[in-house]
C-alpha atoms as a PDB file:
ATOM      1  CA  UNK A   1     -16.848 -70.235   9.777  1.00  0.00           C
ATOM      2  CA  UNK A   2     -15.048 -72.327   7.419  1.00  0.00           C
ATOM      3  CA  UNK A   3     -13.368 -72.561   4.143  1.00  0.00           C
ATOM      4  CA  UNK A   4     -15.861 -70.916   1.399  1.00  0.00           C
ATOM      5  CA  UNK A   5     -14.445 -73.563  -1.199  1.00  0.00           C
ATOM      6  CA  UNK A   6     -15.664 -75.992   1.103  1.00  0.00           C
ATOM      7  CA  UNK A   7     -18.994 -73.917   2.311  1.00  0.00           C
ATOM      8  CA  UNK A   8     -22.174 -74.890   1.407  1.00  0.00           C
ATOM      9  CA  UNK A   9     -23.632 -72.735  -1.183  1.00  0.00           C
ATOM     10  CA  UNK A  10     -26.820 -72.116   1.114  1.00  0.00           C
ATOM     11  CA  UNK A  11     -25.478 -71.385   4.149  1.00  0.00           C
ATOM     12  CA  UNK A  12     -23.626 -68.425   2.149  1.00  0.00           C
ATOM     13  CA  UNK A  13     -26.614 -67.667   1.309  1.00  0.00           C
ATOM     14  CA  UNK A  14     -28.724 -68.117   4.228  1.00  0.00           C
ATOM     15  CA  UNK A  15     -25.801 -65.726   5.797  1.00  0.00           C
ATOM     16  CA  UNK A  16     -25.851 -62.657   3.411  1.00  0.00           C
ATOM     17  CA  UNK A  17     -29.954 -62.815   3.735  1.00  0.00           C
ATOM     18  CA  UNK A  18     -29.830 -62.242   7.862  1.00  0.00           C
ATOM     19  CA  UNK A  19     -26.627 -60.156   8.002  1.00  0.00           C
ATOM     20  CA  UNK A  20     -27.109 -57.838   4.474  1.00  0.00           C
ATOM     21  CA  UNK A  21     -30.743 -58.821   3.869  1.00  0.00           C
ATOM     22  CA  UNK A  22     -32.086 -58.244   6.658  1.00  0.00           C
ATOM     23  CA  UNK A  23     -30.460 -54.354   6.998  1.00  0.00           C
ATOM     24  CA  UNK A  24     -31.845 -54.442   3.224  1.00  0.00           C
ATOM     25  CA  UNK A  25     -35.343 -54.717   4.582  1.00  0.00           C
ATOM     26  CA  UNK A  26     -35.180 -53.268   7.544  1.00  0.00           C
ATOM     27  CA  UNK A  27     -34.200 -49.754   6.145  1.00  0.00           C
ATOM     28  CA  UNK A  28     -36.042 -49.926   2.830  1.00  0.00           C
ATOM     29  CA  UNK A  29     -39.654 -50.451   5.472  1.00  0.00           C
ATOM     30  CA  UNK A  30     -38.391 -48.273   7.845  1.00  0.00           C
ATOM     31  CA  UNK A  31     -37.979 -45.458   5.180  1.00  0.00           C
ATOM     32  CA  UNK A  32     -41.459 -44.109   5.380  1.00  0.00           C
ATOM     33  CA  UNK A  33     -41.631 -43.534   8.518  1.00  0.00           C
ATOM     34  CA  UNK A  34     -38.097 -42.001   8.801  1.00  0.00           C
ATOM     35  CA  UNK A  35     -39.090 -39.646   6.721  1.00  0.00           C
ATOM     36  CA  UNK A  36     -41.829 -38.800   8.766  1.00  0.00           C
ATOM     37  CA  UNK A  37     -39.016 -37.272  11.142  1.00  0.00           C
ATOM     38  CA  UNK A  38     -35.834 -36.718   9.543  1.00  0.00           C
ATOM     39  CA  UNK A  39     -34.977 -40.185  11.101  1.00  0.00           C
ATOM     40  CA  UNK A  40     -31.510 -41.907  11.917  1.00  0.00           C
ATOM     41  CA  UNK A  41     -31.048 -45.349  10.934  1.00  0.00           C
ATOM     42  CA  UNK A  42     -27.960 -47.127  12.563  1.00  0.00           C
ATOM     43  CA  UNK A  43     -26.663 -50.275  11.280  1.00  0.00           C
ATOM     44  CA  UNK A  44     -24.546 -53.002  12.710  1.00  0.00           C
ATOM     45  CA  UNK A  45     -21.802 -54.286  10.354  1.00  0.00           C
ATOM     46  CA  UNK A  46     -18.661 -55.236  11.880  1.00  0.00           C
ATOM     47  CA  UNK A  47     -14.526 -54.775  11.113  1.00  0.00           C
ATOM     48  CA  UNK A  48     -14.652 -57.807   9.215  1.00  0.00           C
ATOM     49  CA  UNK A  49     -16.529 -55.729   6.321  1.00  0.00           C
ATOM     50  CA  UNK A  50     -13.525 -53.639   5.490  1.00  0.00           C
ATOM     51  CA  UNK A  51     -10.571 -56.696   6.264  1.00  0.00           C
ATOM     52  CA  UNK A  52      -9.834 -59.921   6.054  1.00  0.00           C
ATOM     53  CA  UNK A  53     -10.346 -62.816   8.273  1.00  0.00           C
ATOM     54  CA  UNK A  54      -9.836 -66.431   7.062  1.00  0.00           C
ATOM     55  CA  UNK A  55     -12.671 -68.805   7.099  1.00  0.00           C
ATOM     56  CA  UNK A  56     -15.219 -65.605   7.809  1.00  0.00           C
ATOM     57  CA  UNK A  57     -15.658 -64.889   4.222  1.00  0.00           C
ATOM     58  CA  UNK A  58     -19.684 -65.190   3.696  1.00  0.00           C
ATOM     59  CA  UNK A  59     -19.756 -63.137   7.202  1.00  0.00           C
ATOM     60  CA  UNK A  60     -17.368 -60.352   5.514  1.00  0.00           C
ATOM     61  CA  UNK A  61     -18.720 -60.485   2.798  1.00  0.00           C
ATOM     62  CA  UNK A  62     -22.644 -59.201   3.899  1.00  0.00           C
ATOM     63  CA  UNK A  63     -20.943 -56.951   6.485  1.00  0.00           C
ATOM     64  CA  UNK A  64     -18.913 -55.021   3.349  1.00  0.00           C
ATOM     65  CA  UNK A  65     -22.549 -55.469   1.578  1.00  0.00           C
ATOM     66  CA  UNK A  66     -24.079 -54.180   4.758  1.00  0.00           C
ATOM     67  CA  UNK A  67     -22.473 -51.039   4.636  1.00  0.00           C
ATOM     68  CA  UNK A  68     -22.540 -50.242   1.156  1.00  0.00           C
ATOM     69  CA  UNK A  69     -25.983 -50.201   1.550  1.00  0.00           C
ATOM     70  CA  UNK A  70     -25.703 -48.084   4.137  1.00  0.00           C
ATOM     71  CA  UNK A  71     -23.611 -45.296   2.141  1.00  0.00           C
ATOM     72  CA  UNK A  72     -26.161 -45.457  -1.077  1.00  0.00           C
ATOM     73  CA  UNK A  73     -28.934 -45.373   1.315  1.00  0.00           C
ATOM     74  CA  UNK A  74     -27.700 -42.222   2.701  1.00  0.00           C
ATOM     75  CA  UNK A  75     -27.140 -40.757  -0.631  1.00  0.00           C
ATOM     76  CA  UNK A  76     -30.497 -41.621  -1.564  1.00  0.00           C
ATOM     77  CA  UNK A  77     -32.200 -40.558   1.759  1.00  0.00           C
ATOM     78  CA  UNK A  78     -30.615 -37.589   2.492  1.00  0.00           C
ATOM     79  CA  UNK A  79     -32.711 -34.908   0.704  1.00  0.00           C
ATOM     80  CA  UNK A  80     -35.271 -36.224   3.024  1.00  0.00           C
ATOM     81  CA  UNK A  81     -33.476 -35.347   6.029  1.00  0.00           C
ATOM     82  CA  UNK A  82     -32.900 -39.313   6.694  1.00  0.00           C
ATOM     83  CA  UNK A  83     -28.845 -40.459   7.665  1.00  0.00           C
ATOM     84  CA  UNK A  84     -27.963 -43.085   7.486  1.00  0.00           C
ATOM     85  CA  UNK A  85     -24.631 -44.440   9.214  1.00  0.00           C
ATOM     86  CA  UNK A  86     -22.939 -48.220  10.666  1.00  0.00           C
ATOM     87  CA  UNK A  87     -21.118 -49.230  13.628  1.00  0.00           C
ATOM     88  CA  UNK A  88     -18.597 -52.163  13.038  1.00  0.00           C
ATOM     89  CA  UNK A  89     -17.706 -53.753  16.202  1.00  0.00           C
ATOM     90  CA  UNK A  90     -14.751 -55.786  16.546  1.00  0.00           C
ATOM     91  CA  UNK A  91     -14.753 -58.339  19.522  1.00  0.00           C
ATOM     92  CA  UNK A  92     -17.106 -57.197  21.574  1.00  0.00           C
ATOM     93  CA  UNK A  93     -17.322 -59.116  25.269  1.00  0.00           C
ATOM     94  CA  UNK A  94     -20.665 -61.645  24.690  1.00  0.00           C
ATOM     95  CA  UNK A  95     -21.927 -64.399  24.798  1.00  0.00           C
ATOM     96  CA  UNK A  96     -21.741 -64.815  21.694  1.00  0.00           C
ATOM     97  CA  UNK A  97     -18.072 -64.255  21.815  1.00  0.00           C
ATOM     98  CA  UNK A  98     -17.409 -65.951  24.922  1.00  0.00           C
ATOM     99  CA  UNK A  99     -16.053 -69.184  23.247  1.00  0.00           C
ATOM    100  CA  UNK A 100     -13.773 -66.537  22.346  1.00  0.00           C
ATOM    101  CA  UNK A 101     -12.847 -64.353  24.622  1.00  0.00           C
ATOM    102  CA  UNK A 102     -12.602 -67.705  27.368  1.00  0.00           C
ATOM    103  CA  UNK A 103      -8.678 -67.508  26.183  1.00  0.00           C
ATOM    104  CA  UNK A 104      -6.690 -69.473  23.507  1.00  0.00           C
ATOM    105  CA  UNK A 105      -4.557 -68.654  20.767  1.00  0.00           C
ATOM    106  CA  UNK A 106      -7.437 -66.717  18.796  1.00  0.00           C
ATOM    107  CA  UNK A 107      -8.125 -64.225  21.634  1.00  0.00           C
ATOM    108  CA  UNK A 108      -4.657 -63.935  21.480  1.00  0.00           C
ATOM    109  CA  UNK A 109      -4.469 -62.962  17.785  1.00  0.00           C
ATOM    110  CA  UNK A 110      -6.894 -60.749  18.457  1.00  0.00           C
ATOM    111  CA  UNK A 111      -4.988 -58.980  21.060  1.00  0.00           C
ATOM    112  CA  UNK A 112      -2.248 -58.498  18.378  1.00  0.00           C
ATOM    113  CA  UNK A 113      -4.125 -57.219  16.341  1.00  0.00           C
ATOM    114  CA  UNK A 114      -6.023 -54.395  18.635  1.00  0.00           C
ATOM    115  CA  UNK A 115      -3.643 -51.918  19.662  1.00  0.00           C
ATOM    116  CA  UNK A 116      -5.633 -50.746  22.931  1.00  0.00           C
ATOM    117  CA  UNK A 117      -4.903 -54.362  23.901  1.00  0.00           C
ATOM    118  CA  UNK A 118      -8.722 -55.765  25.010  1.00  0.00           C
ATOM    119  CA  UNK A 119     -11.645 -56.366  23.992  1.00  0.00           C
ATOM    120  CA  UNK A 120     -14.572 -54.011  23.862  1.00  0.00           C
ATOM    121  CA  UNK A 121     -18.142 -53.814  25.863  1.00  0.00           C
ATOM    122  CA  UNK A 122     -21.482 -53.636  24.805  1.00  0.00           C
ATOM    123  CA  UNK A 123     -20.927 -50.285  26.423  1.00  0.00           C
ATOM    124  CA  UNK A 124     -19.193 -49.145  24.094  1.00  0.00           C
ATOM    125  CA  UNK A 125     -20.882 -50.106  21.513  1.00  0.00           C
ATOM    126  CA  UNK A 126     -24.248 -49.038  22.175  1.00  0.00           C
ATOM    127  CA  UNK A 127     -22.104 -45.356  23.370  1.00  0.00           C
ATOM    128  CA  UNK A 128     -21.801 -44.691  19.394  1.00  0.00           C
ATOM    129  CA  UNK A 129     -25.236 -46.319  18.327  1.00  0.00           C
ATOM    130  CA  UNK A 130     -27.059 -43.784  20.603  1.00  0.00           C
ATOM    131  CA  UNK A 131     -24.486 -41.287  19.225  1.00  0.00           C
ATOM    132  CA  UNK A 132     -25.539 -41.636  15.769  1.00  0.00           C
ATOM    133  CA  UNK A 133     -29.195 -42.020  16.556  1.00  0.00           C
ATOM    134  CA  UNK A 134     -29.440 -39.040  18.141  1.00  0.00           C
ATOM    135  CA  UNK A 135     -29.502 -35.064  17.328  1.00  0.00           C
ATOM    136  CA  UNK A 136     -25.368 -34.787  18.513  1.00  0.00           C
ATOM    137  CA  UNK A 137     -24.536 -36.513  15.357  1.00  0.00           C
ATOM    138  CA  UNK A 138     -27.563 -33.907  12.771  1.00  0.00           C
ATOM    139  CA  UNK A 139     -24.705 -33.553  10.160  1.00  0.00           C
ATOM    140  CA  UNK A 140     -23.252 -36.991   9.910  1.00  0.00           C
ATOM    141  CA  UNK A 141     -24.580 -39.909   7.557  1.00  0.00           C
ATOM    142  CA  UNK A 142     -22.673 -42.355   5.185  1.00  0.00           C
ATOM    143  CA  UNK A 143     -19.916 -43.296   7.706  1.00  0.00           C
ATOM    144  CA  UNK A 144     -19.257 -46.662   8.901  1.00  0.00           C
ATOM    145  CA  UNK A 145     -17.133 -46.748  11.902  1.00  0.00           C
ATOM    146  CA  UNK A 146     -15.248 -48.957  13.856  1.00  0.00           C
ATOM    147  CA  UNK A 147     -15.517 -49.611  17.440  1.00  0.00           C
ATOM    148  CA  UNK A 148     -12.791 -51.998  17.633  1.00  0.00           C
ATOM    149  CA  UNK A 149      -9.915 -50.879  20.140  1.00  0.00           C
ATOM    150  CA  UNK A 150      -8.178 -49.953  16.291  1.00  0.00           C
ATOM    151  CA  UNK A 151      -8.131 -53.657  15.246  1.00  0.00           C
ATOM    152  CA  UNK A 152      -8.613 -52.721  11.049  1.00  0.00           C
ATOM    153  CA  UNK A 153      -5.461 -50.214  11.712  1.00  0.00           C
ATOM    154  CA  UNK A 154      -3.891 -54.293  12.082  1.00  0.00           C
ATOM    155  CA  UNK A 155      -5.180 -57.704  10.617  1.00  0.00           C
ATOM    156  CA  UNK A 156      -8.017 -59.774  11.394  1.00  0.00           C
ATOM    157  CA  UNK A 157      -7.629 -62.691  13.842  1.00  0.00           C
ATOM    158  CA  UNK A 158      -6.582 -65.959  13.226  1.00  0.00           C
ATOM    159  CA  UNK A 159      -9.599 -68.291  13.331  1.00  0.00           C
ATOM    160  CA  UNK A 160      -7.673 -71.722  12.003  1.00  0.00           C
ATOM    161  CA  UNK A 161      -7.690 -73.136  15.457  1.00  0.00           C
ATOM    162  CA  UNK A 162     -11.517 -72.998  15.293  1.00  0.00           C
ATOM    163  CA  UNK A 163     -11.811 -73.723  11.418  1.00  0.00           C
ATOM    164  CA  UNK A 164      -8.984 -76.788  11.260  1.00  0.00           C
ATOM    165  CA  UNK A 165     -10.513 -79.384  13.963  1.00  0.00           C
ATOM    166  CA  UNK A 166     -14.291 -79.091  12.051  1.00  0.00           C
ATOM    167  CA  UNK A 167     -12.962 -79.084   8.175  1.00  0.00           C
ATOM    168  CA  UNK A 168      -9.053 -80.790   8.498  1.00  0.00           C
ATOM    169  CA  UNK A 169     -10.559 -84.160   7.284  1.00  0.00           C
ATOM    170  CA  UNK A 170     -12.560 -82.327   4.156  1.00  0.00           C
ATOM    171  CA  UNK A 171     -11.226 -82.982   0.341  1.00  0.00           C
ATOM    172  CA  UNK A 172     -10.197 -79.324  -0.603  1.00  0.00           C
ATOM    173  CA  UNK A 173      -9.027 -78.548   3.518  1.00  0.00           C
ATOM    174  CA  UNK A 174      -5.565 -78.370   2.057  1.00  0.00           C
ATOM    175  CA  UNK A 175      -6.218 -75.829  -0.493  1.00  0.00           C
ATOM    176  CA  UNK A 176      -6.554 -73.553   2.794  1.00  0.00           C
ATOM    177  CA  UNK A 177      -4.383 -75.071   5.278  1.00  0.00           C
ATOM    178  CA  UNK A 178      -1.695 -73.049   6.723  1.00  0.00           C
ATOM    179  CA  UNK A 179       2.109 -75.103   5.292  1.00  0.00           C
ATOM    180  CA  UNK A 180       5.434 -74.285   6.892  1.00  0.00           C
ATOM    181  CA  UNK A 181       7.356 -72.694   4.369  1.00  0.00           C
END
């Protein structure tokens, strides 16, 4: 997390490697086995792959790339009967999100942009993954489906309260800092 203009190139590469290349490599090596059973591959993306959230640029770019890999793979592997989709969770109540779901201005900005007005659960994400992996979705491929309470209808969360204390003394912070009009 941090402003792209202050990002370390190696950290950006690591984020892309983990989130996009990891999915690519898993799918590449799983495809021959999936082809034997006309299987289904479900990637985990993020709502930030289609929605801007300041200070999450590398992660957002990686997830957008992941979704494009899903779409192209679905097109290429469809003739072999392999379905490829992704799930785009919004904010979900997991340990990784504890710092946000504990409360404060970042959670408030999420709530302001989620029409259903709450944080999602891991079980809600799992239910969609199960559906996409199972026979009930046999005519669904190449889709990137949100589980975000409608957040992508509105706006991304404001991560400034987390980023500012970390970066405000760095040269270049003034380029991304909010200014009063």
